[in-house]
Amino acid sequence: MFLEDFEVGQVFRHPGGEAVTADAIKQFAGQFDPQPFHLDEAAAQQSFFRSLAASGWHTAGLTMRMLVDTLHIHGGLIGAGFEEFRWPRPTRPGDVLRLEVEVLGIKFSQSKPLQGFLYHRVTTYNQHDEAVLVMTGNLLAPRRPQ
């Protein structure tokens, strides 16, 4: 898709099916975010989370995978920054994630006429339709060749 193919208000959905397991949570955490509440159930029970919770960065990685599968921007997804990036609640073992992307704005570049920005909000939900990640930002997108 090219920038001209998007319209403000469009919503794209990834149907989900990204199941999160305790083993996957621990594996990711062991490599990238080795904190006790991501690695050990007993330690997690004594933490802010009260049970094993995925790293927010693990949730972000799963979100990115679904985003790539959902938005098919010509040339790939190139992030140009975020204004909002938050985790309203933790991702837990057994959660099944899905994603929605809403187009909030489109801006054609004045200095680089072959590209522009897709301003969007991504919300990742668990199986209870509770948001586990919300991010708002811009993707660089090419314009349709003339």
Protein backbone atom coordinates (compact mmCIF):
# COMPACT_ATOMS: atom_id res chain seq x y z
CA MET A 1 0.00 0.00 0.00
CA PHE A 2 1.04 3.57 -0.60
CA LEU A 3 0.22 6.65 1.46
CA GLU A 4 -2.63 7.54 -0.91
CA ASP A 5 -4.30 4.20 -0.13
CA PHE A 6 -4.99 5.20 3.46
CA GLU A 7 -7.83 7.35 4.81
CA VAL A 8 -8.26 8.96 8.20
CA GLY A 9 -10.57 6.79 10.27
CA GLN A 10 -9.65 3.50 8.61
CA VAL A 11 -9.20 0.63 11.05
CA PHE A 12 -7.12 -2.43 10.26
CA ARG A 13 -7.39 -5.53 12.41
CA HIS A 14 -5.15 -8.50 13.01
CA PRO A 15 -7.45 -11.34 14.06
CA GLY A 16 -5.15 -12.48 16.81
CA GLY A 17 -4.06 -15.86 17.87
CA GLU A 18 -0.73 -14.74 19.32
CA ALA A 19 -0.81 -16.96 22.41
CA VAL A 20 1.64 -16.05 25.16
CA THR A 21 3.12 -18.87 27.25
CA ALA A 22 5.00 -18.77 30.54
CA ASP A 23 7.98 -20.36 28.80
CA ALA A 24 8.01 -17.66 26.10
CA ILE A 25 7.78 -14.94 28.76
CA LYS A 26 10.74 -16.40 30.64
CA GLN A 27 12.77 -16.99 27.48
CA PHE A 28 12.33 -13.40 26.27
CA ALA A 29 13.03 -12.01 29.74
CA GLY A 30 16.11 -14.14 30.18
CA GLN A 31 17.62 -12.61 27.08
CA PHE A 32 16.29 -9.05 27.09
CA ASP A 33 14.66 -8.06 30.42
CA PRO A 34 15.95 -10.34 33.19
CA GLN A 35 13.87 -9.13 36.11
CA PRO A 36 12.42 -11.53 38.70
CA PHE A 37 8.75 -10.79 37.92
CA HIS A 38 9.37 -11.90 34.31
CA LEU A 39 11.44 -14.96 35.20
CA ASP A 40 10.05 -16.60 38.32
CA GLU A 41 6.46 -17.20 39.43
CA ALA A 42 7.29 -17.07 43.16
CA ALA A 43 9.22 -13.81 42.83
CA ALA A 44 6.46 -12.38 40.63
CA GLN A 45 3.87 -13.08 43.36
CA GLN A 46 5.83 -10.82 45.70
CA SER A 47 6.10 -8.05 43.12
CA PHE A 48 3.90 -5.20 41.90
CA PHE A 49 2.46 -7.62 39.30
CA ARG A 50 1.35 -10.32 41.81
CA SER A 51 1.96 -13.03 39.19
CA LEU A 52 4.19 -13.73 36.21
CA ALA A 53 4.01 -10.90 33.67
CA ALA A 54 5.56 -10.53 30.24
CA SER A 55 8.07 -7.78 29.69
CA GLY A 56 6.43 -4.79 28.03
CA TRP A 57 9.11 -5.15 25.36
CA HIS A 58 7.97 -8.72 24.74
CA THR A 59 4.43 -7.42 24.23
CA ALA A 60 5.85 -4.73 21.93
CA GLY A 61 7.69 -7.38 19.90
CA LEU A 62 4.54 -9.45 19.49
CA THR A 63 2.70 -6.27 18.53
CA MET A 64 5.30 -5.48 15.88
CA ARG A 65 4.90 -8.95 14.40
CA MET A 66 1.13 -8.50 14.13
CA LEU A 67 1.58 -4.97 12.77
CA VAL A 68 3.83 -6.23 9.96
CA ASP A 69 1.21 -8.88 9.15
CA THR A 70 -1.58 -6.26 9.15
CA LEU A 71 -0.24 -3.16 7.39
CA HIS A 72 1.34 -3.89 4.04
CA ILE A 73 3.09 -0.61 3.32
CA HIS A 74 5.21 -0.73 0.16
CA GLY A 75 8.85 -1.06 1.20
CA GLY A 76 8.06 -2.13 4.78
CA LEU A 77 7.15 -0.47 8.05
CA ILE A 78 9.56 2.30 8.95
CA GLY A 79 8.89 3.98 12.26
CA ALA A 80 9.40 7.72 12.53
CA GLY A 81 8.77 8.00 16.26
CA PHE A 82 6.04 7.69 18.85
CA GLU A 83 4.15 10.27 20.85
CA GLU A 84 2.51 7.68 23.09
CA PHE A 85 3.76 4.29 24.15
CA ARG A 86 2.17 2.67 27.18
CA TRP A 87 1.20 -0.62 28.73
CA PRO A 88 -2.18 -0.20 30.50
CA ARG A 89 -2.02 -3.72 31.94
CA PRO A 90 0.44 -6.59 31.83
CA THR A 91 0.43 -9.44 29.39
CA ARG A 92 0.10 -12.74 31.26
CA PRO A 93 0.70 -16.41 30.48
CA GLY A 94 -2.32 -17.69 28.59
CA ASP A 95 -3.19 -14.35 27.04
CA VAL A 96 -4.07 -14.42 23.36
CA LEU A 97 -3.28 -11.13 21.68
CA ARG A 98 -4.87 -9.31 18.77
CA LEU A 99 -4.28 -5.88 17.27
CA GLU A 100 -6.13 -2.90 15.84
CA VAL A 101 -4.57 -0.03 13.91
CA GLU A 102 -6.46 3.22 13.38
CA VAL A 103 -5.34 5.82 10.85
CA LEU A 104 -5.39 9.19 12.66
CA GLY A 105 -3.76 11.38 10.03
CA ILE A 106 -1.88 11.55 6.76
CA LYS A 107 0.80 14.10 6.01
CA PHE A 108 2.50 14.48 2.66
CA SER A 109 6.11 15.62 2.94
CA GLN A 110 6.87 19.02 1.45
CA SER A 111 10.62 18.47 1.34
CA LYS A 112 10.50 14.85 0.07
CA PRO A 113 7.52 14.60 -2.30
CA LEU A 114 7.90 10.84 -2.78
CA GLN A 115 6.98 10.09 0.82
CA GLY A 116 4.88 11.13 3.77
CA PHE A 117 3.73 10.07 7.22
CA LEU A 118 0.95 7.83 8.39
CA TYR A 119 -0.10 8.97 11.86
CA HIS A 120 -1.69 5.99 13.60
CA ARG A 121 -2.71 4.38 16.87
CA VAL A 122 -1.99 0.74 17.55
CA THR A 123 -3.85 -1.03 20.33
CA THR A 124 -3.00 -4.58 21.32
CA TYR A 125 -5.75 -6.41 23.19
CA ASN A 126 -5.85 -9.63 25.19
CA GLN A 127 -8.64 -12.19 24.89
CA HIS A 128 -10.79 -10.15 27.31
CA ASP A 129 -10.65 -7.10 24.99
CA GLU A 130 -8.43 -5.31 27.52
CA ALA A 131 -5.68 -3.14 26.08
CA VAL A 132 -2.19 -4.37 26.97
CA LEU A 133 -0.31 -1.92 24.73
CA VAL A 134 -1.23 1.41 23.16
CA MET A 135 1.11 3.34 20.92
CA THR A 136 0.54 6.40 18.77
CA GLY A 137 3.07 7.61 16.27
CA ASN A 138 4.16 8.00 12.68
CA LEU A 139 5.18 5.56 10.02
CA LEU A 140 7.11 6.69 6.99
CA ALA A 141 5.20 5.69 3.87
CA PRO A 142 6.01 6.09 0.18
CA ARG A 143 3.67 7.92 -2.15
CA ARG A 144 2.33 6.15 -5.21
CA PRO A 145 4.71 6.56 -8.16
CA GLN A 146 3.34 8.92 -10.82
